[in-house]
C-alpha atoms as a PDB file:
ATOM      1  CA  UNK A   1      18.695   3.713 -42.535  1.00  0.00           C
ATOM      2  CA  UNK A   2      21.534   1.645 -42.112  1.00  0.00           C
ATOM      3  CA  UNK A   3      21.728  -1.448 -39.410  1.00  0.00           C
ATOM      4  CA  UNK A   4      24.592   0.495 -37.215  1.00  0.00           C
ATOM      5  CA  UNK A   5      26.755  -1.986 -35.100  1.00  0.00           C
ATOM      6  CA  UNK A   6      25.739  -2.263 -31.571  1.00  0.00           C
ATOM      7  CA  UNK A   7      28.131  -0.553 -29.270  1.00  0.00           C
ATOM      8  CA  UNK A   8      29.549  -3.411 -27.019  1.00  0.00           C
ATOM      9  CA  UNK A   9      27.606  -4.141 -23.614  1.00  0.00           C
ATOM     10  CA  UNK A  10      30.003  -2.186 -20.624  1.00  0.00           C
ATOM     11  CA  UNK A  11      29.566  -2.841 -16.643  1.00  0.00           C
ATOM     12  CA  UNK A  12      27.561   0.336 -16.149  1.00  0.00           C
ATOM     13  CA  UNK A  13      25.324  -1.381 -19.107  1.00  0.00           C
ATOM     14  CA  UNK A  14      25.056  -4.690 -16.551  1.00  0.00           C
ATOM     15  CA  UNK A  15      23.882  -2.848 -13.508  1.00  0.00           C
ATOM     16  CA  UNK A  16      21.622  -1.009 -15.554  1.00  0.00           C
ATOM     17  CA  UNK A  17      19.863  -4.340 -16.354  1.00  0.00           C
ATOM     18  CA  UNK A  18      20.670  -5.292 -13.174  1.00  0.00           C
ATOM     19  CA  UNK A  19      18.714  -3.180 -11.114  1.00  0.00           C
ATOM     20  CA  UNK A  20      15.906  -2.776 -14.206  1.00  0.00           C
ATOM     21  CA  UNK A  21      14.968  -6.104 -13.249  1.00  0.00           C
ATOM     22  CA  UNK A  22      15.201  -6.315  -9.469  1.00  0.00           C
ATOM     23  CA  UNK A  23      12.589  -3.379  -9.241  1.00  0.00           C
ATOM     24  CA  UNK A  24      10.595  -5.324 -12.322  1.00  0.00           C
ATOM     25  CA  UNK A  25      10.675  -8.328 -10.986  1.00  0.00           C
ATOM     26  CA  UNK A  26       7.817 -10.216  -8.832  1.00  0.00           C
ATOM     27  CA  UNK A  27       8.695 -10.953  -5.329  1.00  0.00           C
ATOM     28  CA  UNK A  28       8.559 -14.938  -4.656  1.00  0.00           C
ATOM     29  CA  UNK A  29       5.338 -14.859  -2.021  1.00  0.00           C
ATOM     30  CA  UNK A  30       6.050 -16.812   1.105  1.00  0.00           C
ATOM     31  CA  UNK A  31       4.467 -19.977   1.652  1.00  0.00           C
ATOM     32  CA  UNK A  32       0.541 -19.368   3.838  1.00  0.00           C
ATOM     33  CA  UNK A  33       0.845 -19.969   7.040  1.00  0.00           C
ATOM     34  CA  UNK A  34      -0.331 -22.838   8.811  1.00  0.00           C
ATOM     35  CA  UNK A  35      -3.700 -22.826  10.212  1.00  0.00           C
ATOM     36  CA  UNK A  36      -3.977 -23.269  13.652  1.00  0.00           C
ATOM     37  CA  UNK A  37      -5.528 -26.186  14.774  1.00  0.00           C
ATOM     38  CA  UNK A  38      -8.142 -26.071  17.033  1.00  0.00           C
ATOM     39  CA  UNK A  39      -7.178 -27.615  20.422  1.00  0.00           C
ATOM     40  CA  UNK A  40      -3.167 -28.580  19.685  1.00  0.00           C
ATOM     41  CA  UNK A  41      -1.534 -27.222  22.145  1.00  0.00           C
ATOM     42  CA  UNK A  42       2.319 -25.896  21.832  1.00  0.00           C
ATOM     43  CA  UNK A  43       4.975 -25.911  24.515  1.00  0.00           C
ATOM     44  CA  UNK A  44       6.587 -22.857  25.415  1.00  0.00           C
ATOM     45  CA  UNK A  45       8.705 -21.686  28.746  1.00  0.00           C
ATOM     46  CA  UNK A  46       7.027 -18.620  29.914  1.00  0.00           C
ATOM     47  CA  UNK A  47       8.477 -16.405  32.868  1.00  0.00           C
ATOM     48  CA  UNK A  48       5.793 -15.489  35.516  1.00  0.00           C
ATOM     49  CA  UNK A  49       6.363 -13.190  38.427  1.00  0.00           C
ATOM     50  CA  UNK A  50       6.142 -15.427  41.394  1.00  0.00           C
ATOM     51  CA  UNK A  51       2.917 -14.010  43.195  1.00  0.00           C
ATOM     52  CA  UNK A  52       1.265 -15.142  39.734  1.00  0.00           C
ATOM     53  CA  UNK A  53       1.920 -18.212  39.545  1.00  0.00           C
ATOM     54  CA  UNK A  54       1.551 -19.194  43.259  1.00  0.00           C
ATOM     55  CA  UNK A  55      -2.061 -17.118  42.769  1.00  0.00           C
ATOM     56  CA  UNK A  56      -3.118 -19.712  39.946  1.00  0.00           C
ATOM     57  CA  UNK A  57      -1.493 -22.601  41.735  1.00  0.00           C
ATOM     58  CA  UNK A  58      -3.479 -21.568  44.862  1.00  0.00           C
ATOM     59  CA  UNK A  59      -6.646 -23.031  43.313  1.00  0.00           C
ATOM     60  CA  UNK A  60      -5.043 -26.300  42.629  1.00  0.00           C
ATOM     61  CA  UNK A  61      -4.447 -28.498  39.751  1.00  0.00           C
ATOM     62  CA  UNK A  62      -5.583 -26.741  36.236  1.00  0.00           C
ATOM     63  CA  UNK A  63      -3.765 -24.025  36.837  1.00  0.00           C
ATOM     64  CA  UNK A  64      -1.822 -23.620  33.498  1.00  0.00           C
ATOM     65  CA  UNK A  65      -5.802 -24.160  32.083  1.00  0.00           C
ATOM     66  CA  UNK A  66      -6.662 -21.180  34.385  1.00  0.00           C
ATOM     67  CA  UNK A  67      -3.486 -19.511  32.544  1.00  0.00           C
ATOM     68  CA  UNK A  68      -4.206 -19.931  29.412  1.00  0.00           C
ATOM     69  CA  UNK A  69      -7.669 -19.014  29.778  1.00  0.00           C
ATOM     70  CA  UNK A  70      -6.735 -15.844  31.634  1.00  0.00           C
ATOM     71  CA  UNK A  71      -4.003 -15.108  28.072  1.00  0.00           C
ATOM     72  CA  UNK A  72      -7.122 -15.494  25.495  1.00  0.00           C
ATOM     73  CA  UNK A  73      -9.493 -13.645  27.112  1.00  0.00           C
ATOM     74  CA  UNK A  74      -6.230 -10.975  28.175  1.00  0.00           C
ATOM     75  CA  UNK A  75      -6.154 -10.850  24.223  1.00  0.00           C
ATOM     76  CA  UNK A  76      -9.512 -11.417  23.538  1.00  0.00           C
ATOM     77  CA  UNK A  77      -9.787 -14.623  21.996  1.00  0.00           C
END
């Protein structure tokens, strides 16, 4: 069989090739999340109902630690 000349590439060929490449290439993996370091705390802004805040503050200093402990317990940690 004689070699036949290749047909010219068309826009449809390019689209088909791009679509094929998109579904057959392996997606780039996201970098792994940093492991939480025990004992390191992060400052956040949190809106809490006034009566809940007053409850924890009425028990004296350390109210933020008590709120953190209550949140850990609620989260099952």
